[in-house]
PDB file of N, CA and C in Angstrom:
ATOM      1  N   MET A   1      45.977 -47.037  11.373  1.00  0.00           N
ATOM      2  CA  MET A   1      46.898 -45.818  11.039  1.00  0.00           C
ATOM      3  C   MET A   1      47.917 -45.725  11.635  1.00  0.00           C
ATOM      4  N   SER A   2      49.181 -45.518  11.592  1.00  0.00           N
ATOM      5  CA  SER A   2      50.208 -45.825  12.243  1.00  0.00           C
ATOM      6  C   SER A   2      50.398 -44.246  13.096  1.00  0.00           C
ATOM      7  N   ASP A   3      50.922 -44.743  14.541  1.00  0.00           N
ATOM      8  CA  ASP A   3      51.168 -43.619  15.197  1.00  0.00           C
ATOM      9  C   ASP A   3      52.813 -42.809  14.951  1.00  0.00           C
ATOM     10  N   ASN A   4      53.539 -43.442  14.163  1.00  0.00           N
ATOM     11  CA  ASN A   4      54.793 -43.047  13.948  1.00  0.00           C
ATOM     12  C   ASN A   4      54.636 -42.115  13.268  1.00  0.00           C
ATOM     13  N   PRO A   5      55.593 -40.977  13.588  1.00  0.00           N
ATOM     14  CA  PRO A   5      55.432 -39.742  12.386  1.00  0.00           C
ATOM     15  C   PRO A   5      56.429 -39.997  11.124  1.00  0.00           C
ATOM     16  N   PRO A   6      56.163 -39.907  10.044  1.00  0.00           N
ATOM     17  CA  PRO A   6      56.662 -39.996   8.986  1.00  0.00           C
ATOM     18  C   PRO A   6      58.167 -39.608   8.896  1.00  0.00           C
ATOM     19  N   GLU A   7      59.383 -40.191   8.448  1.00  0.00           N
ATOM     20  CA  GLU A   7      60.658 -39.881   8.835  1.00  0.00           C
ATOM     21  C   GLU A   7      61.444 -39.838   7.421  1.00  0.00           C
ATOM     22  N   ILE A   8      62.128 -38.575   7.637  1.00  0.00           N
ATOM     23  CA  ILE A   8      63.227 -38.403   6.227  1.00  0.00           C
ATOM     24  C   ILE A   8      64.465 -38.946   6.484  1.00  0.00           C
ATOM     25  N   THR A   9      64.933 -39.902   6.094  1.00  0.00           N
ATOM     26  CA  THR A   9      66.328 -40.387   6.453  1.00  0.00           C
ATOM     27  C   THR A   9      66.882 -40.322   5.003  1.00  0.00           C
ATOM     28  N   GLY A  10      68.746 -40.010   5.297  1.00  0.00           N
ATOM     29  CA  GLY A  10      69.266 -40.066   3.634  1.00  0.00           C
ATOM     30  C   GLY A  10      70.618 -40.165   4.546  1.00  0.00           C
ATOM     31  N   VAL A  11      71.625 -40.162   3.479  1.00  0.00           N
ATOM     32  CA  VAL A  11      72.939 -40.064   3.636  1.00  0.00           C
ATOM     33  C   VAL A  11      73.791 -38.841   2.828  1.00  0.00           C
ATOM     34  N   VAL A  12      74.503 -38.263   3.807  1.00  0.00           N
ATOM     35  CA  VAL A  12      74.973 -37.123   2.962  1.00  0.00           C
ATOM     36  C   VAL A  12      76.766 -37.896   2.402  1.00  0.00           C
ATOM     37  N   VAL A  13      77.182 -37.410   1.475  1.00  0.00           N
ATOM     38  CA  VAL A  13      78.596 -38.200   1.022  1.00  0.00           C
ATOM     39  C   VAL A  13      79.140 -36.749   0.401  1.00  0.00           C
ATOM     40  N   ASP A  14      80.350 -36.470   0.027  1.00  0.00           N
ATOM     41  CA  ASP A  14      81.180 -35.827  -0.595  1.00  0.00           C
ATOM     42  C   ASP A  14      81.274 -35.985  -2.234  1.00  0.00           C
ATOM     43  N   ALA A  15      81.885 -35.171  -2.571  1.00  0.00           N
ATOM     44  CA  ALA A  15      82.051 -35.244  -3.943  1.00  0.00           C
ATOM     45  C   ALA A  15      82.708 -36.564  -4.616  1.00  0.00           C
ATOM     46  N   GLU A  16      83.503 -37.283  -3.883  1.00  0.00           N
ATOM     47  CA  GLU A  16      84.185 -38.661  -4.057  1.00  0.00           C
ATOM     48  C   GLU A  16      83.077 -39.802  -3.407  1.00  0.00           C
ATOM     49  N   ASP A  17      81.961 -39.569  -3.090  1.00  0.00           N
ATOM     50  CA  ASP A  17      80.953 -40.579  -2.924  1.00  0.00           C
ATOM     51  C   ASP A  17      81.423 -40.902  -1.395  1.00  0.00           C
ATOM     52  N   ASN A  18      82.123 -40.302  -0.480  1.00  0.00           N
ATOM     53  CA  ASN A  18      82.330 -40.725   0.979  1.00  0.00           C
ATOM     54  C   ASN A  18      81.564 -40.250   1.635  1.00  0.00           C
ATOM     55  N   PRO A  19      81.042 -40.808   2.700  1.00  0.00           N
ATOM     56  CA  PRO A  19      80.307 -40.451   3.799  1.00  0.00           C
ATOM     57  C   PRO A  19      80.849 -39.364   4.606  1.00  0.00           C
ATOM     58  N   VAL A  20      79.711 -38.389   4.737  1.00  0.00           N
ATOM     59  CA  VAL A  20      80.486 -37.435   5.613  1.00  0.00           C
ATOM     60  C   VAL A  20      80.005 -37.299   6.982  1.00  0.00           C
ATOM     61  N   GLU A  21      80.981 -37.216   7.927  1.00  0.00           N
ATOM     62  CA  GLU A  21      80.288 -36.950   9.072  1.00  0.00           C
ATOM     63  C   GLU A  21      79.995 -35.576  10.075  1.00  0.00           C
ATOM     64  N   GLU A  22      78.993 -35.610  11.155  1.00  0.00           N
ATOM     65  CA  GLU A  22      78.851 -34.660  11.791  1.00  0.00           C
ATOM     66  C   GLU A  22      78.392 -33.531  10.848  1.00  0.00           C
ATOM     67  N   VAL A  23      77.425 -33.500   9.909  1.00  0.00           N
ATOM     68  CA  VAL A  23      76.969 -32.455   9.026  1.00  0.00           C
ATOM     69  C   VAL A  23      75.483 -32.370   9.586  1.00  0.00           C
ATOM     70  N   ARG A  24      74.911 -30.990   9.954  1.00  0.00           N
ATOM     71  CA  ARG A  24      73.901 -30.661  10.529  1.00  0.00           C
ATOM     72  C   ARG A  24      73.118 -30.851   9.581  1.00  0.00           C
ATOM     73  N   VAL A  25      71.948 -31.519   9.438  1.00  0.00           N
ATOM     74  CA  VAL A  25      70.682 -31.453   8.374  1.00  0.00           C
ATOM     75  C   VAL A  25      69.251 -31.083   9.289  1.00  0.00           C
ATOM     76  N   TYR A  26      69.046 -29.776   8.380  1.00  0.00           N
ATOM     77  CA  TYR A  26      67.761 -29.341   8.934  1.00  0.00           C
ATOM     78  C   TYR A  26      66.684 -28.971   8.280  1.00  0.00           C
ATOM     79  N   PHE A  27      65.374 -28.565   8.489  1.00  0.00           N
ATOM     80  CA  PHE A  27      64.332 -28.144   7.790  1.00  0.00           C
ATOM     81  C   PHE A  27      64.424 -26.647   7.518  1.00  0.00           C
ATOM     82  N   VAL A  28      64.013 -26.842   6.324  1.00  0.00           N
ATOM     83  CA  VAL A  28      64.330 -25.074   5.512  1.00  0.00           C
ATOM     84  C   VAL A  28      62.648 -24.869   5.328  1.00  0.00           C
ATOM     85  N   GLU A  29      62.121 -25.588   4.520  1.00  0.00           N
ATOM     86  CA  GLU A  29      60.361 -25.464   4.273  1.00  0.00           C
ATOM     87  C   GLU A  29      60.015 -26.629   4.060  1.00  0.00           C
ATOM     88  N   GLY A  30      58.642 -26.671   4.422  1.00  0.00           N
ATOM     89  CA  GLY A  30      57.808 -27.703   4.159  1.00  0.00           C
ATOM     90  C   GLY A  30      56.351 -27.654   3.869  1.00  0.00           C
ATOM     91  N   PRO A  31      55.634 -28.575   4.130  1.00  0.00           N
ATOM     92  CA  PRO A  31      54.010 -28.418   3.814  1.00  0.00           C
ATOM     93  C   PRO A  31      53.289 -27.693   4.994  1.00  0.00           C
ATOM     94  N   VAL A  32      53.956 -27.847   6.081  1.00  0.00           N
ATOM     95  CA  VAL A  32      53.422 -27.117   7.440  1.00  0.00           C
ATOM     96  C   VAL A  32      54.457 -26.728   7.641  1.00  0.00           C
ATOM     97  N   PRO A  33      54.122 -25.715   9.098  1.00  0.00           N
ATOM     98  CA  PRO A  33      55.278 -25.113   9.820  1.00  0.00           C
ATOM     99  C   PRO A  33      55.828 -25.919  10.635  1.00  0.00           C
ATOM    100  N   LEU A  34      57.098 -25.829  10.670  1.00  0.00           N
ATOM    101  CA  LEU A  34      58.100 -26.771  10.788  1.00  0.00           C
ATOM    102  C   LEU A  34      58.853 -26.409  12.153  1.00  0.00           C
ATOM    103  N   PRO A  35      59.195 -27.409  12.704  1.00  0.00           N
ATOM    104  CA  PRO A  35      60.195 -27.095  14.194  1.00  0.00           C
ATOM    105  C   PRO A  35      61.521 -27.111  14.226  1.00  0.00           C
ATOM    106  N   ASP A  36      62.304 -25.960  15.181  1.00  0.00           N
ATOM    107  CA  ASP A  36      63.215 -25.482  14.738  1.00  0.00           C
ATOM    108  C   ASP A  36      64.145 -26.845  15.315  1.00  0.00           C
ATOM    109  N   ILE A  37      64.481 -27.917  14.444  1.00  0.00           N
ATOM    110  CA  ILE A  37      65.268 -29.105  15.033  1.00  0.00           C
ATOM    111  C   ILE A  37      66.435 -29.068  13.878  1.00  0.00           C
ATOM    112  N   ALA A  38      67.535 -30.131  14.380  1.00  0.00           N
ATOM    113  CA  ALA A  38      68.539 -30.352  13.183  1.00  0.00           C
ATOM    114  C   ALA A  38      68.947 -32.261  13.831  1.00  0.00           C
ATOM    115  N   ALA A  39      69.376 -32.792  12.749  1.00  0.00           N
ATOM    116  CA  ALA A  39      70.077 -33.958  13.169  1.00  0.00           C
ATOM    117  C   ALA A  39      71.466 -34.108  12.815  1.00  0.00           C
ATOM    118  N   LEU A  40      72.541 -34.561  13.238  1.00  0.00           N
ATOM    119  CA  LEU A  40      73.575 -34.792  12.822  1.00  0.00           C
ATOM    120  C   LEU A  40      74.250 -36.068  11.999  1.00  0.00           C
ATOM    121  N   THR A  41      74.592 -36.084  11.144  1.00  0.00           N
ATOM    122  CA  THR A  41      74.913 -37.173  10.328  1.00  0.00           C
ATOM    123  C   THR A  41      75.999 -38.225  11.345  1.00  0.00           C
ATOM    124  N   ASN A  42      75.557 -39.407  11.044  1.00  0.00           N
ATOM    125  CA  ASN A  42      76.638 -40.489  11.930  1.00  0.00           C
ATOM    126  C   ASN A  42      78.256 -40.654  11.037  1.00  0.00           C
ATOM    127  N   SER A  43      78.881 -41.784  11.616  1.00  0.00           N
ATOM    128  CA  SER A  43      79.962 -41.911  10.725  1.00  0.00           C
ATOM    129  C   SER A  43      79.878 -42.352   9.210  1.00  0.00           C
ATOM    130  N   ASN A  44      78.728 -43.033   8.905  1.00  0.00           N
ATOM    131  CA  ASN A  44      78.289 -43.554   8.039  1.00  0.00           C
ATOM    132  C   ASN A  44      77.520 -42.540   6.999  1.00  0.00           C
ATOM    133  N   GLY A  45      77.549 -41.220   7.492  1.00  0.00           N
ATOM    134  CA  GLY A  45      76.836 -40.085   6.771  1.00  0.00           C
ATOM    135  C   GLY A  45      75.586 -40.181   6.868  1.00  0.00           C
ATOM    136  N   ARG A  46      74.882 -41.217   7.683  1.00  0.00           N
ATOM    137  CA  ARG A  46      73.560 -41.261   7.640  1.00  0.00           C
ATOM    138  C   ARG A  46      72.628 -40.071   8.599  1.00  0.00           C
ATOM    139  N   PHE A  47      71.554 -39.648   8.118  1.00  0.00           N
ATOM    140  CA  PHE A  47      70.753 -38.781   9.193  1.00  0.00           C
ATOM    141  C   PHE A  47      69.265 -39.241   9.181  1.00  0.00           C
ATOM    142  N   ALA A  48      68.388 -38.694  10.089  1.00  0.00           N
ATOM    143  CA  ALA A  48      67.163 -39.204  10.213  1.00  0.00           C
ATOM    144  C   ALA A  48      66.288 -38.221  10.994  1.00  0.00           C
ATOM    145  N   LEU A  49      65.222 -37.703  10.129  1.00  0.00           N
ATOM    146  CA  LEU A  49      64.451 -36.321  11.014  1.00  0.00           C
ATOM    147  C   LEU A  49      63.021 -36.735  10.931  1.00  0.00           C
ATOM    148  N   SER A  50      62.329 -36.572  12.064  1.00  0.00           N
ATOM    149  CA  SER A  50      60.822 -36.737  12.024  1.00  0.00           C
ATOM    150  C   SER A  50      60.270 -35.762  11.581  1.00  0.00           C
ATOM    151  N   ALA A  51      59.271 -36.108  10.353  1.00  0.00           N
ATOM    152  CA  ALA A  51      58.664 -34.786   9.673  1.00  0.00           C
ATOM    153  C   ALA A  51      57.191 -34.987  10.298  1.00  0.00           C
ATOM    154  N   PRO A  52      56.595 -33.634  10.519  1.00  0.00           N
ATOM    155  CA  PRO A  52      55.186 -33.409  11.072  1.00  0.00           C
ATOM    156  C   PRO A  52      54.243 -34.219  10.065  1.00  0.00           C
ATOM    157  N   THR A  53      53.732 -34.338   8.994  1.00  0.00           N
ATOM    158  CA  THR A  53      53.377 -34.800   8.003  1.00  0.00           C
ATOM    159  C   THR A  53      54.083 -35.416   6.453  1.00  0.00           C
ATOM    160  N   SER A  54      53.554 -35.961   5.741  1.00  0.00           N
ATOM    161  CA  SER A  54      54.323 -36.638   4.468  1.00  0.00           C
ATOM    162  C   SER A  54      53.996 -35.282   3.768  1.00  0.00           C
ATOM    163  N   GLY A  55      54.892 -35.075   2.854  1.00  0.00           N
ATOM    164  CA  GLY A  55      55.143 -34.434   1.784  1.00  0.00           C
ATOM    165  C   GLY A  55      56.661 -33.900   1.474  1.00  0.00           C
ATOM    166  N   THR A  56      56.503 -33.102   0.805  1.00  0.00           N
ATOM    167  CA  THR A  56      57.948 -32.726   0.198  1.00  0.00           C
ATOM    168  C   THR A  56      58.378 -31.725   1.044  1.00  0.00           C
ATOM    169  N   TYR A  57      59.772 -31.687   1.644  1.00  0.00           N
ATOM    170  CA  TYR A  57      60.556 -30.898   2.164  1.00  0.00           C
ATOM    171  C   TYR A  57      61.694 -30.380   1.561  1.00  0.00           C
ATOM    172  N   GLN A  58      62.158 -28.961   1.887  1.00  0.00           N
ATOM    173  CA  GLN A  58      63.545 -28.372   1.495  1.00  0.00           C
ATOM    174  C   GLN A  58      64.351 -28.558   2.823  1.00  0.00           C
ATOM    175  N   LEU A  59      65.685 -29.430   2.824  1.00  0.00           N
ATOM    176  CA  LEU A  59      66.280 -29.437   3.600  1.00  0.00           C
ATOM    177  C   LEU A  59      67.587 -28.844   3.867  1.00  0.00           C
ATOM    178  N   GLY A  60      68.326 -28.178   4.814  1.00  0.00           N
ATOM    179  CA  GLY A  60      69.582 -27.659   4.336  1.00  0.00           C
ATOM    180  C   GLY A  60      70.498 -28.510   5.323  1.00  0.00           C
ATOM    181  N   ILE A  61      71.774 -28.273   4.793  1.00  0.00           N
ATOM    182  CA  ILE A  61      72.755 -29.149   5.227  1.00  0.00           C
ATOM    183  C   ILE A  61      73.943 -28.530   5.673  1.00  0.00           C
ATOM    184  N   ALA A  62      74.509 -28.315   6.498  1.00  0.00           N
ATOM    185  CA  ALA A  62      75.779 -27.395   7.058  1.00  0.00           C
ATOM    186  C   ALA A  62      77.141 -28.146   7.439  1.00  0.00           C
ATOM    187  N   SER A  63      78.156 -27.479   7.594  1.00  0.00           N
ATOM    188  CA  SER A  63      79.265 -28.157   8.446  1.00  0.00           C
ATOM    189  C   SER A  63      80.347 -27.143   8.669  1.00  0.00           C
ATOM    190  N   GLU A  64      80.962 -27.090   9.796  1.00  0.00           N
ATOM    191  CA  GLU A  64      82.304 -26.088   9.830  1.00  0.00           C
ATOM    192  C   GLU A  64      83.010 -27.053  10.034  1.00  0.00           C
ATOM    193  N   GLY A  65      84.359 -26.078   9.681  1.00  0.00           N
ATOM    194  CA  GLY A  65      85.641 -26.873   9.482  1.00  0.00           C
ATOM    195  C   GLY A  65      86.592 -26.140   9.116  1.00  0.00           C
ATOM    196  N   PRO A  66      88.159 -26.723   9.029  1.00  0.00           N
ATOM    197  CA  PRO A  66      89.159 -25.313   8.593  1.00  0.00           C
ATOM    198  C   PRO A  66      88.870 -24.664   7.662  1.00  0.00           C
ATOM    199  N   SER A  67      88.144 -25.113   6.639  1.00  0.00           N
ATOM    200  CA  SER A  67      87.903 -24.235   5.383  1.00  0.00           C
ATOM    201  C   SER A  67      86.461 -23.127   5.604  1.00  0.00           C
ATOM    202  N   GLY A  68      86.026 -22.994   6.929  1.00  0.00           N
ATOM    203  CA  GLY A  68      84.853 -22.501   6.922  1.00  0.00           C
ATOM    204  C   GLY A  68      83.657 -23.010   7.062  1.00  0.00           C
ATOM    205  N   PHE A  69      82.779 -22.239   6.932  1.00  0.00           N
ATOM    206  CA  PHE A  69      80.982 -22.599   7.022  1.00  0.00           C
ATOM    207  C   PHE A  69      80.642 -23.099   5.524  1.00  0.00           C
ATOM    208  N   LEU A  70      80.230 -24.333   5.375  1.00  0.00           N
ATOM    209  CA  LEU A  70      79.719 -24.833   4.297  1.00  0.00           C
ATOM    210  C   LEU A  70      77.909 -24.906   4.355  1.00  0.00           C
ATOM    211  N   GLN A  71      77.387 -24.502   3.547  1.00  0.00           N
ATOM    212  CA  GLN A  71      75.907 -24.522   3.639  1.00  0.00           C
ATOM    213  C   GLN A  71      75.465 -24.877   2.257  1.00  0.00           C
ATOM    214  N   GLU A  72      74.410 -25.914   2.145  1.00  0.00           N
ATOM    215  CA  GLU A  72      73.538 -26.319   0.906  1.00  0.00           C
ATOM    216  C   GLU A  72      72.323 -26.593   1.252  1.00  0.00           C
ATOM    217  N   THR A  73      71.499 -26.715  -0.062  1.00  0.00           N
ATOM    218  CA  THR A  73      69.876 -26.923   0.324  1.00  0.00           C
ATOM    219  C   THR A  73      69.628 -28.110  -0.840  1.00  0.00           C
ATOM    220  N   THR A  74      68.762 -28.792  -0.764  1.00  0.00           N
ATOM    221  CA  THR A  74      68.053 -29.994  -1.291  1.00  0.00           C
ATOM    222  C   THR A  74      66.473 -30.342  -1.154  1.00  0.00           C
ATOM    223  N   THR A  75      66.005 -30.502  -2.133  1.00  0.00           N
ATOM    224  CA  THR A  75      64.432 -30.882  -1.736  1.00  0.00           C
ATOM    225  C   THR A  75      64.026 -32.387  -1.710  1.00  0.00           C
ATOM    226  N   VAL A  76      63.318 -33.147  -0.933  1.00  0.00           N
ATOM    227  CA  VAL A  76      63.300 -34.331  -0.630  1.00  0.00           C
ATOM    228  C   VAL A  76      61.567 -34.439  -0.771  1.00  0.00           C
ATOM    229  N   GLU A  77      61.473 -35.764  -0.600  1.00  0.00           N
ATOM    230  CA  GLU A  77      60.346 -36.589  -0.302  1.00  0.00           C
ATOM    231  C   GLU A  77      60.159 -37.225   0.743  1.00  0.00           C
ATOM    232  N   VAL A  78      58.911 -37.231   1.750  1.00  0.00           N
ATOM    233  CA  VAL A  78      59.173 -38.295   2.999  1.00  0.00           C
ATOM    234  C   VAL A  78      58.873 -39.512   2.379  1.00  0.00           C
ATOM    235  N   GLY A  79      59.583 -40.554   2.843  1.00  0.00           N
ATOM    236  CA  GLY A  79      59.862 -41.875   2.898  1.00  0.00           C
ATOM    237  C   GLY A  79      60.726 -42.490   1.582  1.00  0.00           C
ATOM    238  N   VAL A  80      61.647 -41.298   0.975  1.00  0.00           N
ATOM    239  CA  VAL A  80      62.311 -41.694  -0.041  1.00  0.00           C
ATOM    240  C   VAL A  80      63.750 -41.347   0.365  1.00  0.00           C
ATOM    241  N   VAL A  81      64.464 -42.747   0.349  1.00  0.00           N
ATOM    242  CA  VAL A  81      65.954 -42.679   1.238  1.00  0.00           C
ATOM    243  C   VAL A  81      66.755 -42.096  -0.251  1.00  0.00           C
ATOM    244  N   ARG A  82      67.637 -40.873  -0.214  1.00  0.00           N
ATOM    245  CA  ARG A  82      68.605 -40.907  -1.378  1.00  0.00           C
ATOM    246  C   ARG A  82      69.848 -40.355  -0.910  1.00  0.00           C
ATOM    247  N   SER A  83      70.994 -40.323  -1.543  1.00  0.00           N
ATOM    248  CA  SER A  83      71.976 -39.642  -1.110  1.00  0.00           C
ATOM    249  C   SER A  83      72.246 -38.141  -1.349  1.00  0.00           C
ATOM    250  N   VAL A  84      72.673 -37.216  -0.565  1.00  0.00           N
ATOM    251  CA  VAL A  84      72.721 -35.793  -0.630  1.00  0.00           C
ATOM    252  C   VAL A  84      74.370 -35.640  -0.839  1.00  0.00           C
ATOM    253  N   GLU A  85      74.633 -35.394  -2.151  1.00  0.00           N
ATOM    254  CA  GLU A  85      76.086 -34.795  -1.943  1.00  0.00           C
ATOM    255  C   GLU A  85      76.354 -33.369  -1.654  1.00  0.00           C
ATOM    256  N   PHE A  86      77.139 -33.544  -0.648  1.00  0.00           N
ATOM    257  CA  PHE A  86      77.934 -32.146   0.112  1.00  0.00           C
ATOM    258  C   PHE A  86      79.108 -32.017  -0.556  1.00  0.00           C
ATOM    259  N   GLU A  87      79.328 -30.674  -1.238  1.00  0.00           N
ATOM    260  CA  GLU A  87      81.027 -30.279  -1.535  1.00  0.00           C
ATOM    261  C   GLU A  87      81.758 -30.059  -0.205  1.00  0.00           C
ATOM    262  N   ASP A  88      82.472 -31.155  -0.096  1.00  0.00           N
ATOM    263  CA  ASP A  88      83.303 -30.956   0.997  1.00  0.00           C
ATOM    264  C   ASP A  88      84.562 -30.483   0.562  1.00  0.00           C
ATOM    265  N   ARG A  89      84.741 -29.382   0.669  1.00  0.00           N
ATOM    266  CA  ARG A  89      85.959 -28.547   0.382  1.00  0.00           C
ATOM    267  C   ARG A  89      87.095 -28.628   1.449  1.00  0.00           C
ATOM    268  N   GLN A  90      86.554 -29.078   2.693  1.00  0.00           N
ATOM    269  CA  GLN A  90      87.471 -29.048   3.671  1.00  0.00           C
ATOM    270  C   GLN A  90      88.484 -30.407   2.864  1.00  0.00           C
ATOM    271  N   ARG A  91      88.224 -31.093   2.170  1.00  0.00           N
ATOM    272  CA  ARG A  91      89.351 -32.104   1.704  1.00  0.00           C
ATOM    273  C   ARG A  91      90.235 -31.925   0.752  1.00  0.00           C
ATOM    274  N   GLU A  92      89.914 -30.843   0.118  1.00  0.00           N
ATOM    275  CA  GLU A  92      90.522 -30.558  -1.013  1.00  0.00           C
ATOM    276  C   GLU A  92      92.122 -30.101  -0.575  1.00  0.00           C
TER     277      GLU A  92
END
């Protein structure tokens, strides 16, 4: 058995498939009580969050910028890497 906690990793991209930097990614719901933590995406839009246990989680993504506060949610499975499209209206 591994001592490493399960990890949720992914990439946040805008509507044109460009990576979005400095987006806050956080837990909304999961199979167990969750810590109040968040990760920021890097310059490639990538993030990683340690999950307390395997299962399905709802993640929130949020960003603040010139056009205001943007927020969305998505559901992910531990161990599955996927892109999360973020409607980045700041580029419009």
